[in-house]
Amino acid sequence: MGDPFEDKPVPRSALIAAAIVVSLTILVAAWARLSGYDPGSDYRSAVVATEDMAFRVENDGTVAVIVPPDNVVMTRIPAASSGFLQGILKSLERERHRREIDLATPYRLERHANGRLALADPGTGMNIDVGSFGPTSLALVQDLFQTAHDRRRE
């Protein structure tokens, strides 16, 4: 059995188009590198405020938000509103299990100078941009941050 494409060469125009696309990609990447473009610069702005809090997912799916140092439940987020938070926590807890870090260790909400809000795990070094989960999730975490901040100032 012979090559099914033996009598069908690749059109010259397709090869030229592919060469142009590859060349332009290399040129744009080189220009970005030489001009100092840094795609991660938005994520490296200074932390201007932090709030520590622990989370506990209860049997009914409600997420209890616990604030140190007295470990009081600051609020409870109903299961219907906490799906994204449960997903994040599952991922972070998996990493804590892997590294044998106590699950009760508080997480840190960080507000950055550029307005970014992140959930950081000091034990694992993981840092999650909450804004990437959409405006509803961001608003929920901003409310948690503000409530904890106001509570601490009382």
C-alpha atoms as a PDB file:
ATOM      1  CA  MET A   1       0.000   0.000   0.000  1.00  0.00           C
ATOM      2  CA  GLY A   2       1.416   3.356  -1.041  1.00  0.00           C
ATOM      3  CA  ASP A   3       1.305   6.821   0.456  1.00  0.00           C
ATOM      4  CA  PRO A   4      -2.250   8.233   0.050  1.00  0.00           C
ATOM      5  CA  PHE A   5      -0.857  11.760  -0.315  1.00  0.00           C
ATOM      6  CA  GLU A   6       1.808  10.873  -2.868  1.00  0.00           C
ATOM      7  CA  ASP A   7       0.031  12.600  -5.735  1.00  0.00           C
ATOM      8  CA  LYS A   8      -1.251  15.519  -3.637  1.00  0.00           C
ATOM      9  CA  PRO A   9       1.554  17.916  -2.688  1.00  0.00           C
ATOM     10  CA  VAL A  10       0.958  20.661  -0.134  1.00  0.00           C
ATOM     11  CA  PRO A  11      -0.025  23.845  -1.957  1.00  0.00           C
ATOM     12  CA  ARG A  12       2.756  26.417  -2.157  1.00  0.00           C
ATOM     13  CA  SER A  13       0.450  29.172  -0.833  1.00  0.00           C
ATOM     14  CA  ALA A  14      -0.275  27.141   2.345  1.00  0.00           C
ATOM     15  CA  LEU A  15       3.453  26.708   2.995  1.00  0.00           C
ATOM     16  CA  ILE A  16       4.075  30.431   2.485  1.00  0.00           C
ATOM     17  CA  ALA A  17       1.170  31.327   4.818  1.00  0.00           C
ATOM     18  CA  ALA A  18       2.497  28.969   7.500  1.00  0.00           C
ATOM     19  CA  ALA A  19       5.997  30.469   7.195  1.00  0.00           C
ATOM     20  CA  ILE A  20       4.559  33.986   7.540  1.00  0.00           C
ATOM     21  CA  VAL A  21       2.574  33.039  10.669  1.00  0.00           C
ATOM     22  CA  VAL A  22       5.620  31.419  12.293  1.00  0.00           C
ATOM     23  CA  SER A  23       7.831  34.394  11.393  1.00  0.00           C
ATOM     24  CA  LEU A  24       5.331  36.931  12.751  1.00  0.00           C
ATOM     25  CA  THR A  25       4.966  34.949  15.975  1.00  0.00           C
ATOM     26  CA  ILE A  26       8.721  34.950  16.508  1.00  0.00           C
ATOM     27  CA  LEU A  27       8.951  38.678  15.693  1.00  0.00           C
ATOM     28  CA  VAL A  28       6.162  39.618  18.112  1.00  0.00           C
ATOM     29  CA  ALA A  29       7.669  37.482  20.881  1.00  0.00           C
ATOM     30  CA  ALA A  30      11.116  39.015  20.313  1.00  0.00           C
ATOM     31  CA  TRP A  31       9.661  42.548  20.260  1.00  0.00           C
ATOM     32  CA  ALA A  32       7.772  41.916  23.516  1.00  0.00           C
ATOM     33  CA  ARG A  33      10.864  40.492  25.187  1.00  0.00           C
ATOM     34  CA  LEU A  34      13.154  43.313  24.054  1.00  0.00           C
ATOM     35  CA  SER A  35      10.656  46.084  24.878  1.00  0.00           C
ATOM     36  CA  GLY A  36      10.394  44.923  28.491  1.00  0.00           C
ATOM     37  CA  TYR A  37       6.804  43.655  28.341  1.00  0.00           C
ATOM     38  CA  ASP A  38       6.071  41.650  31.480  1.00  0.00           C
ATOM     39  CA  PRO A  39       2.774  39.739  31.391  1.00  0.00           C
ATOM     40  CA  GLY A  40       2.913  38.966  35.115  1.00  0.00           C
ATOM     41  CA  SER A  41       3.439  42.515  36.339  1.00  0.00           C
ATOM     42  CA  ASP A  42      -0.226  42.962  37.296  1.00  0.00           C
ATOM     43  CA  TYR A  43       0.081  40.102  39.759  1.00  0.00           C
ATOM     44  CA  ARG A  44       3.173  41.400  41.481  1.00  0.00           C
ATOM     45  CA  SER A  45       1.839  44.646  42.924  1.00  0.00           C
ATOM     46  CA  ALA A  46       2.377  45.329  46.611  1.00  0.00           C
ATOM     47  CA  VAL A  47       0.033  43.890  49.225  1.00  0.00           C
ATOM     48  CA  VAL A  48      -1.661  46.812  50.981  1.00  0.00           C
ATOM     49  CA  ALA A  49      -3.983  44.960  53.386  1.00  0.00           C
ATOM     50  CA  THR A  50      -4.494  41.416  54.641  1.00  0.00           C
ATOM     51  CA  GLU A  51      -7.107  39.530  56.603  1.00  0.00           C
ATOM     52  CA  ASP A  52      -6.558  36.031  57.977  1.00  0.00           C
ATOM     53  CA  MET A  53      -9.457  33.592  58.098  1.00  0.00           C
ATOM     54  CA  ALA A  54     -10.134  29.881  58.149  1.00  0.00           C
ATOM     55  CA  PHE A  55     -12.948  28.098  56.345  1.00  0.00           C
ATOM     56  CA  ARG A  56     -14.903  25.021  57.336  1.00  0.00           C
ATOM     57  CA  VAL A  57     -17.286  23.284  54.948  1.00  0.00           C
ATOM     58  CA  GLU A  58     -20.180  21.931  56.991  1.00  0.00           C
ATOM     59  CA  ASN A  59     -22.250  18.824  56.244  1.00  0.00           C
ATOM     60  CA  ASP A  60     -24.986  20.772  54.453  1.00  0.00           C
ATOM     61  CA  GLY A  61     -22.462  22.531  52.162  1.00  0.00           C
ATOM     62  CA  THR A  62     -22.501  25.792  54.100  1.00  0.00           C
ATOM     63  CA  VAL A  63     -19.063  27.375  54.460  1.00  0.00           C
ATOM     64  CA  ALA A  64     -18.303  28.737  57.938  1.00  0.00           C
ATOM     65  CA  VAL A  65     -15.824  31.626  57.902  1.00  0.00           C
ATOM     66  CA  ILE A  66     -13.724  31.663  61.071  1.00  0.00           C
ATOM     67  CA  VAL A  67     -11.534  34.577  62.135  1.00  0.00           C
ATOM     68  CA  PRO A  68      -8.503  34.342  64.395  1.00  0.00           C
ATOM     69  CA  PRO A  69      -7.352  34.871  67.069  1.00  0.00           C
ATOM     70  CA  ASP A  70     -10.556  33.943  68.918  1.00  0.00           C
ATOM     71  CA  ASN A  71     -11.679  31.497  66.176  1.00  0.00           C
ATOM     72  CA  VAL A  72     -15.236  32.812  66.151  1.00  0.00           C
ATOM     73  CA  VAL A  73     -17.488  32.088  63.175  1.00  0.00           C
ATOM     74  CA  MET A  74     -17.729  35.475  61.471  1.00  0.00           C
ATOM     75  CA  THR A  75     -20.357  34.387  58.954  1.00  0.00           C
ATOM     76  CA  ARG A  76     -21.777  31.398  57.146  1.00  0.00           C
ATOM     77  CA  ILE A  77     -22.086  31.270  53.376  1.00  0.00           C
ATOM     78  CA  PRO A  78     -25.040  29.162  52.203  1.00  0.00           C
ATOM     79  CA  ALA A  79     -24.290  26.146  50.023  1.00  0.00           C
ATOM     80  CA  ALA A  80     -26.063  27.759  47.054  1.00  0.00           C
ATOM     81  CA  SER A  81     -23.607  30.683  47.124  1.00  0.00           C
ATOM     82  CA  SER A  82     -20.401  28.927  48.079  1.00  0.00           C
ATOM     83  CA  GLY A  83     -19.701  26.552  45.194  1.00  0.00           C
ATOM     84  CA  PHE A  84     -16.635  28.358  43.883  1.00  0.00           C
ATOM     85  CA  LEU A  85     -15.257  28.750  47.409  1.00  0.00           C
ATOM     86  CA  GLN A  86     -15.753  25.031  48.089  1.00  0.00           C
ATOM     87  CA  GLY A  87     -13.850  24.249  44.876  1.00  0.00           C
ATOM     88  CA  ILE A  88     -10.937  26.478  45.849  1.00  0.00           C
ATOM     89  CA  LEU A  89     -10.844  25.040  49.357  1.00  0.00           C
ATOM     90  CA  LYS A  90     -10.859  21.472  48.068  1.00  0.00           C
ATOM     91  CA  SER A  91      -7.824  22.238  45.928  1.00  0.00           C
ATOM     92  CA  LEU A  92      -5.975  24.017  48.739  1.00  0.00           C
ATOM     93  CA  GLU A  93      -6.811  21.308  51.275  1.00  0.00           C
ATOM     94  CA  ARG A  94      -5.561  18.617  48.902  1.00  0.00           C
ATOM     95  CA  GLU A  95      -2.229  20.424  48.726  1.00  0.00           C
ATOM     96  CA  ARG A  96      -2.163  20.836  52.526  1.00  0.00           C
ATOM     97  CA  HIS A  97      -2.777  17.097  52.964  1.00  0.00           C
ATOM     98  CA  ARG A  98       0.024  16.346  50.531  1.00  0.00           C
ATOM     99  CA  ARG A  99       2.444  18.548  52.502  1.00  0.00           C
ATOM    100  CA  GLU A 100       1.074  17.474  55.897  1.00  0.00           C
ATOM    101  CA  ILE A 101      -0.001  20.999  56.879  1.00  0.00           C
ATOM    102  CA  ASP A 102      -2.726  21.468  59.499  1.00  0.00           C
ATOM    103  CA  LEU A 103      -6.068  22.118  57.775  1.00  0.00           C
ATOM    104  CA  ALA A 104      -7.126  24.563  60.512  1.00  0.00           C
ATOM    105  CA  THR A 105      -4.287  26.971  59.653  1.00  0.00           C
ATOM    106  CA  PRO A 106      -5.862  30.245  58.494  1.00  0.00           C
ATOM    107  CA  TYR A 107      -5.689  31.402  54.899  1.00  0.00           C
ATOM    108  CA  ARG A 108      -4.899  35.006  54.050  1.00  0.00           C
ATOM    109  CA  LEU A 109      -6.974  37.343  51.921  1.00  0.00           C
ATOM    110  CA  GLU A 110      -4.664  39.903  50.327  1.00  0.00           C
ATOM    111  CA  ARG A 111      -5.674  43.213  48.781  1.00  0.00           C
ATOM    112  CA  HIS A 112      -3.038  44.501  46.351  1.00  0.00           C
ATOM    113  CA  ALA A 113      -2.208  48.076  45.369  1.00  0.00           C
ATOM    114  CA  ASN A 114      -3.642  47.490  41.898  1.00  0.00           C
ATOM    115  CA  GLY A 115      -7.006  46.403  43.388  1.00  0.00           C
ATOM    116  CA  ARG A 116      -6.442  42.682  42.910  1.00  0.00           C
ATOM    117  CA  LEU A 117      -7.841  40.427  45.648  1.00  0.00           C
ATOM    118  CA  ALA A 118      -6.119  37.093  46.259  1.00  0.00           C
ATOM    119  CA  LEU A 119      -6.615  34.121  48.538  1.00  0.00           C
ATOM    120  CA  ALA A 120      -3.186  33.034  49.731  1.00  0.00           C
ATOM    121  CA  ASP A 121      -2.184  29.927  51.619  1.00  0.00           C
ATOM    122  CA  PRO A 122       0.928  30.812  53.644  1.00  0.00           C
ATOM    123  CA  GLY A 123       1.621  27.136  54.329  1.00  0.00           C
ATOM    124  CA  THR A 124       1.806  26.020  50.692  1.00  0.00           C
ATOM    125  CA  GLY A 125       2.691  29.310  49.012  1.00  0.00           C
ATOM    126  CA  MET A 126      -0.334  29.010  46.706  1.00  0.00           C
ATOM    127  CA  ASN A 127      -1.939  32.290  45.679  1.00  0.00           C
ATOM    128  CA  ILE A 128      -5.292  32.403  43.881  1.00  0.00           C
ATOM    129  CA  ASP A 129      -6.587  35.490  42.080  1.00  0.00           C
ATOM    130  CA  VAL A 130     -10.218  35.643  43.188  1.00  0.00           C
ATOM    131  CA  GLY A 131     -11.149  38.002  40.344  1.00  0.00           C
ATOM    132  CA  SER A 132     -10.568  35.219  37.842  1.00  0.00           C
ATOM    133  CA  PHE A 133     -13.720  33.499  39.122  1.00  0.00           C
ATOM    134  CA  GLY A 134     -15.981  36.319  37.945  1.00  0.00           C
ATOM    135  CA  PRO A 135     -17.705  39.334  39.473  1.00  0.00           C
ATOM    136  CA  THR A 136     -20.123  37.387  41.709  1.00  0.00           C
ATOM    137  CA  SER A 137     -17.347  35.400  43.367  1.00  0.00           C
ATOM    138  CA  LEU A 138     -15.169  38.488  43.650  1.00  0.00           C
ATOM    139  CA  ALA A 139     -18.009  40.411  45.343  1.00  0.00           C
ATOM    140  CA  LEU A 140     -18.504  37.603  47.866  1.00  0.00           C
ATOM    141  CA  VAL A 141     -14.829  37.543  48.819  1.00  0.00           C
ATOM    142  CA  GLN A 142     -14.669  41.363  48.928  1.00  0.00           C
ATOM    143  CA  ASP A 143     -17.562  41.291  51.403  1.00  0.00           C
ATOM    144  CA  LEU A 144     -15.700  38.728  53.536  1.00  0.00           C
ATOM    145  CA  PHE A 145     -12.573  40.874  53.437  1.00  0.00           C
ATOM    146  CA  GLN A 146     -14.472  44.027  54.397  1.00  0.00           C
ATOM    147  CA  THR A 147     -16.425  42.311  57.182  1.00  0.00           C
ATOM    148  CA  ALA A 148     -13.232  40.902  58.697  1.00  0.00           C
ATOM    149  CA  HIS A 149     -11.503  44.259  58.326  1.00  0.00           C
ATOM    150  CA  ASP A 150     -14.369  46.142  59.995  1.00  0.00           C
ATOM    151  CA  ARG A 151     -14.597  43.552  62.765  1.00  0.00           C
ATOM    152  CA  ARG A 152     -10.900  43.885  63.560  1.00  0.00           C
ATOM    153  CA  ARG A 153     -11.155  47.691  63.745  1.00  0.00           C
ATOM    154  CA  GLU A 154     -13.963  47.561  66.352  1.00  0.00           C
END
